[in-house]
C-alpha atoms as a PDB file:
ATOM      1  CA  MET A   1     193.877  70.226  34.917  1.00  0.00           C
ATOM      2  CA  ALA A   2     190.232  70.406  33.894  1.00  0.00           C
ATOM      3  CA  LYS A   3     188.536  73.701  33.121  1.00  0.00           C
ATOM      4  CA  LEU A   4     186.421  75.084  35.944  1.00  0.00           C
ATOM      5  CA  GLU A   5     183.246  75.173  33.846  1.00  0.00           C
ATOM      6  CA  ASN A   6     183.544  71.403  33.208  1.00  0.00           C
ATOM      7  CA  ILE A   7     183.917  70.383  36.854  1.00  0.00           C
ATOM      8  CA  LEU A   8     180.410  71.128  38.167  1.00  0.00           C
ATOM      9  CA  LYS A   9     177.782  69.240  36.167  1.00  0.00           C
ATOM     10  CA  LYS A  10     174.586  70.001  38.094  1.00  0.00           C
ATOM     11  CA  ALA A  11     173.302  70.844  41.533  1.00  0.00           C
ATOM     12  CA  LEU A  12     171.652  68.171  43.649  1.00  0.00           C
ATOM     13  CA  ILE A  13     168.240  69.536  44.568  1.00  0.00           C
ATOM     14  CA  THR A  14     166.349  66.951  46.582  1.00  0.00           C
ATOM     15  CA  GLU A  15     164.391  67.000  49.812  1.00  0.00           C
ATOM     16  CA  LYS A  16     167.303  65.499  51.701  1.00  0.00           C
ATOM     17  CA  THR A  17     169.911  67.963  50.400  1.00  0.00           C
ATOM     18  CA  SER A  18     167.530  70.877  50.996  1.00  0.00           C
ATOM     19  CA  ALA A  19     167.094  69.864  54.634  1.00  0.00           C
ATOM     20  CA  VAL A  20     170.864  69.474  55.089  1.00  0.00           C
ATOM     21  CA  SER A  21     171.579  72.817  53.421  1.00  0.00           C
ATOM     22  CA  GLU A  22     169.230  74.602  55.830  1.00  0.00           C
ATOM     23  CA  LYS A  23     170.641  72.817  58.872  1.00  0.00           C
ATOM     24  CA  LEU A  24     174.398  72.540  58.153  1.00  0.00           C
ATOM     25  CA  ASN A  25     174.889  75.048  55.293  1.00  0.00           C
ATOM     26  CA  ARG A  26     176.010  72.191  53.002  1.00  0.00           C
ATOM     27  CA  TYR A  27     175.139  71.914  49.284  1.00  0.00           C
ATOM     28  CA  GLY A  28     175.412  68.964  46.901  1.00  0.00           C
ATOM     29  CA  PHE A  29     176.673  68.848  43.319  1.00  0.00           C
ATOM     30  CA  MET A  30     177.224  66.203  40.672  1.00  0.00           C
ATOM     31  CA  VAL A  31     180.820  66.689  39.540  1.00  0.00           C
ATOM     32  CA  ASP A  32     183.251  65.341  36.974  1.00  0.00           C
ATOM     33  CA  LEU A  33     184.603  61.923  37.898  1.00  0.00           C
ATOM     34  CA  LYS A  34     188.244  63.025  37.498  1.00  0.00           C
ATOM     35  CA  SER A  35     188.001  66.226  39.545  1.00  0.00           C
ATOM     36  CA  ASN A  36     189.572  66.492  42.986  1.00  0.00           C
ATOM     37  CA  LYS A  37     188.502  68.405  46.104  1.00  0.00           C
ATOM     38  CA  ASN A  38     190.693  71.435  45.398  1.00  0.00           C
ATOM     39  CA  GLN A  39     189.250  71.839  41.895  1.00  0.00           C
ATOM     40  CA  ILE A  40     185.683  71.474  43.202  1.00  0.00           C
ATOM     41  CA  LYS A  41     186.322  74.077  45.897  1.00  0.00           C
ATOM     42  CA  GLU A  42     187.788  76.526  43.373  1.00  0.00           C
ATOM     43  CA  ALA A  43     184.890  76.024  40.946  1.00  0.00           C
ATOM     44  CA  VAL A  44     182.196  76.607  43.601  1.00  0.00           C
ATOM     45  CA  GLU A  45     183.968  79.684  44.948  1.00  0.00           C
ATOM     46  CA  THR A  46     184.361  81.118  41.445  1.00  0.00           C
ATOM     47  CA  PHE A  47     180.845  80.500  40.138  1.00  0.00           C
ATOM     48  CA  TYR A  48     178.809  81.231  43.271  1.00  0.00           C
ATOM     49  CA  ASN A  49     180.993  83.905  44.974  1.00  0.00           C
ATOM     50  CA  VAL A  50     181.099  82.113  48.342  1.00  0.00           C
ATOM     51  CA  LYS A  51     183.785  80.853  50.741  1.00  0.00           C
ATOM     52  CA  VAL A  52     184.034  77.044  50.956  1.00  0.00           C
ATOM     53  CA  LEU A  53     185.124  75.500  54.261  1.00  0.00           C
ATOM     54  CA  ASN A  54     184.914  71.776  53.533  1.00  0.00           C
ATOM     55  CA  VAL A  55     184.413  69.418  50.568  1.00  0.00           C
ATOM     56  CA  LYS A  56     183.295  65.805  50.892  1.00  0.00           C
ATOM     57  CA  THR A  57     183.132  63.546  47.841  1.00  0.00           C
ATOM     58  CA  SER A  58     181.709  60.128  47.091  1.00  0.00           C
ATOM     59  CA  ILE A  59     181.852  57.955  43.990  1.00  0.00           C
ATOM     60  CA  LEU A  60     178.700  56.012  43.231  1.00  0.00           C
ATOM     61  CA  PRO A  61     179.120  52.759  41.286  1.00  0.00           C
ATOM     62  CA  GLY A  62     177.159  52.197  38.096  1.00  0.00           C
ATOM     63  CA  LYS A  63     173.955  50.178  38.155  1.00  0.00           C
ATOM     64  CA  VAL A  64     173.212  47.065  36.123  1.00  0.00           C
ATOM     65  CA  LYS A  65     170.141  47.558  33.935  1.00  0.00           C
ATOM     66  CA  ARG A  66     168.245  44.821  32.105  1.00  0.00           C
ATOM     67  CA  ARG A  67     166.579  45.240  28.730  1.00  0.00           C
ATOM     68  CA  GLY A  68     165.063  41.956  27.724  1.00  0.00           C
ATOM     69  CA  LYS A  69     167.804  39.343  27.615  1.00  0.00           C
ATOM     70  CA  SER A  70     170.711  41.773  27.549  1.00  0.00           C
ATOM     71  CA  THR A  71     172.194  43.661  30.464  1.00  0.00           C
ATOM     72  CA  THR A  72     174.037  46.964  30.404  1.00  0.00           C
ATOM     73  CA  LYS A  73     175.824  48.910  33.091  1.00  0.00           C
ATOM     74  CA  THR A  74     175.503  52.646  33.658  1.00  0.00           C
ATOM     75  CA  SER A  75     178.640  54.667  34.261  1.00  0.00           C
ATOM     76  CA  LYS A  76     179.983  55.734  37.663  1.00  0.00           C
ATOM     77  CA  THR A  77     179.062  59.161  39.030  1.00  0.00           C
ATOM     78  CA  LYS A  78     180.664  61.425  41.600  1.00  0.00           C
ATOM     79  CA  LYS A  79     178.898  63.601  44.181  1.00  0.00           C
ATOM     80  CA  ALA A  80     180.446  66.463  46.104  1.00  0.00           C
ATOM     81  CA  PHE A  81     179.020  68.015  49.253  1.00  0.00           C
ATOM     82  CA  VAL A  82     180.339  71.506  49.903  1.00  0.00           C
ATOM     83  CA  GLN A  83     180.068  73.264  53.269  1.00  0.00           C
ATOM     84  CA  LEU A  84     180.012  77.063  53.147  1.00  0.00           C
ATOM     85  CA  LYS A  85     181.160  79.693  55.591  1.00  0.00           C
ATOM     86  CA  GLU A  86     178.612  80.745  58.218  1.00  0.00           C
ATOM     87  CA  GLY A  87     176.134  83.311  56.911  1.00  0.00           C
ATOM     88  CA  GLN A  88     176.642  82.509  53.209  1.00  0.00           C
ATOM     89  CA  LYS A  89     174.295  80.569  50.975  1.00  0.00           C
ATOM     90  CA  ILE A  90     173.723  79.617  47.353  1.00  0.00           C
ATOM     91  CA  GLU A  91     170.472  80.646  45.647  1.00  0.00           C
ATOM     92  CA  PHE A  92     169.571  78.047  43.010  1.00  0.00           C
ATOM     93  CA  PHE A  93     166.094  79.488  42.367  1.00  0.00           C
ATOM     94  CA  LYS A  94     166.009  83.271  42.475  1.00  0.00           C
ATOM     95  CA  GLY A  95     162.591  84.889  42.621  1.00  0.00           C
ATOM     96  CA  VAL A  96     160.636  81.664  43.014  1.00  0.00           C
END
C-alpha cells in the first residue's frame, strides 16, 4: 500500500474543473498511477478534512513526441475526480 502523501500529486486547476467544482462540488487531482479509488478517497479526506462521496478515475495514455528524426513517448497519467458532501469545499487558494 502506498503512503497517503505519495498518492495525490497535484490539483487540477483549470477553467473546466473550476466550473464543475462550483456546479457539482467535484474537484480534480493528478494521482499516482498505481493508486486505487479507496486510497484516493482516504488521502483527500485526510489532507483536506472533507467527506468524499464519489471518486471517478481515468488513465490518460502517453503522447508521442517528435524531436527531429527521433520520437519519444511520454508516460501515462491518472486523473481522479472527487465529489464532496453537500456544503463542503476545498480551498486551493486561501486569501487570494
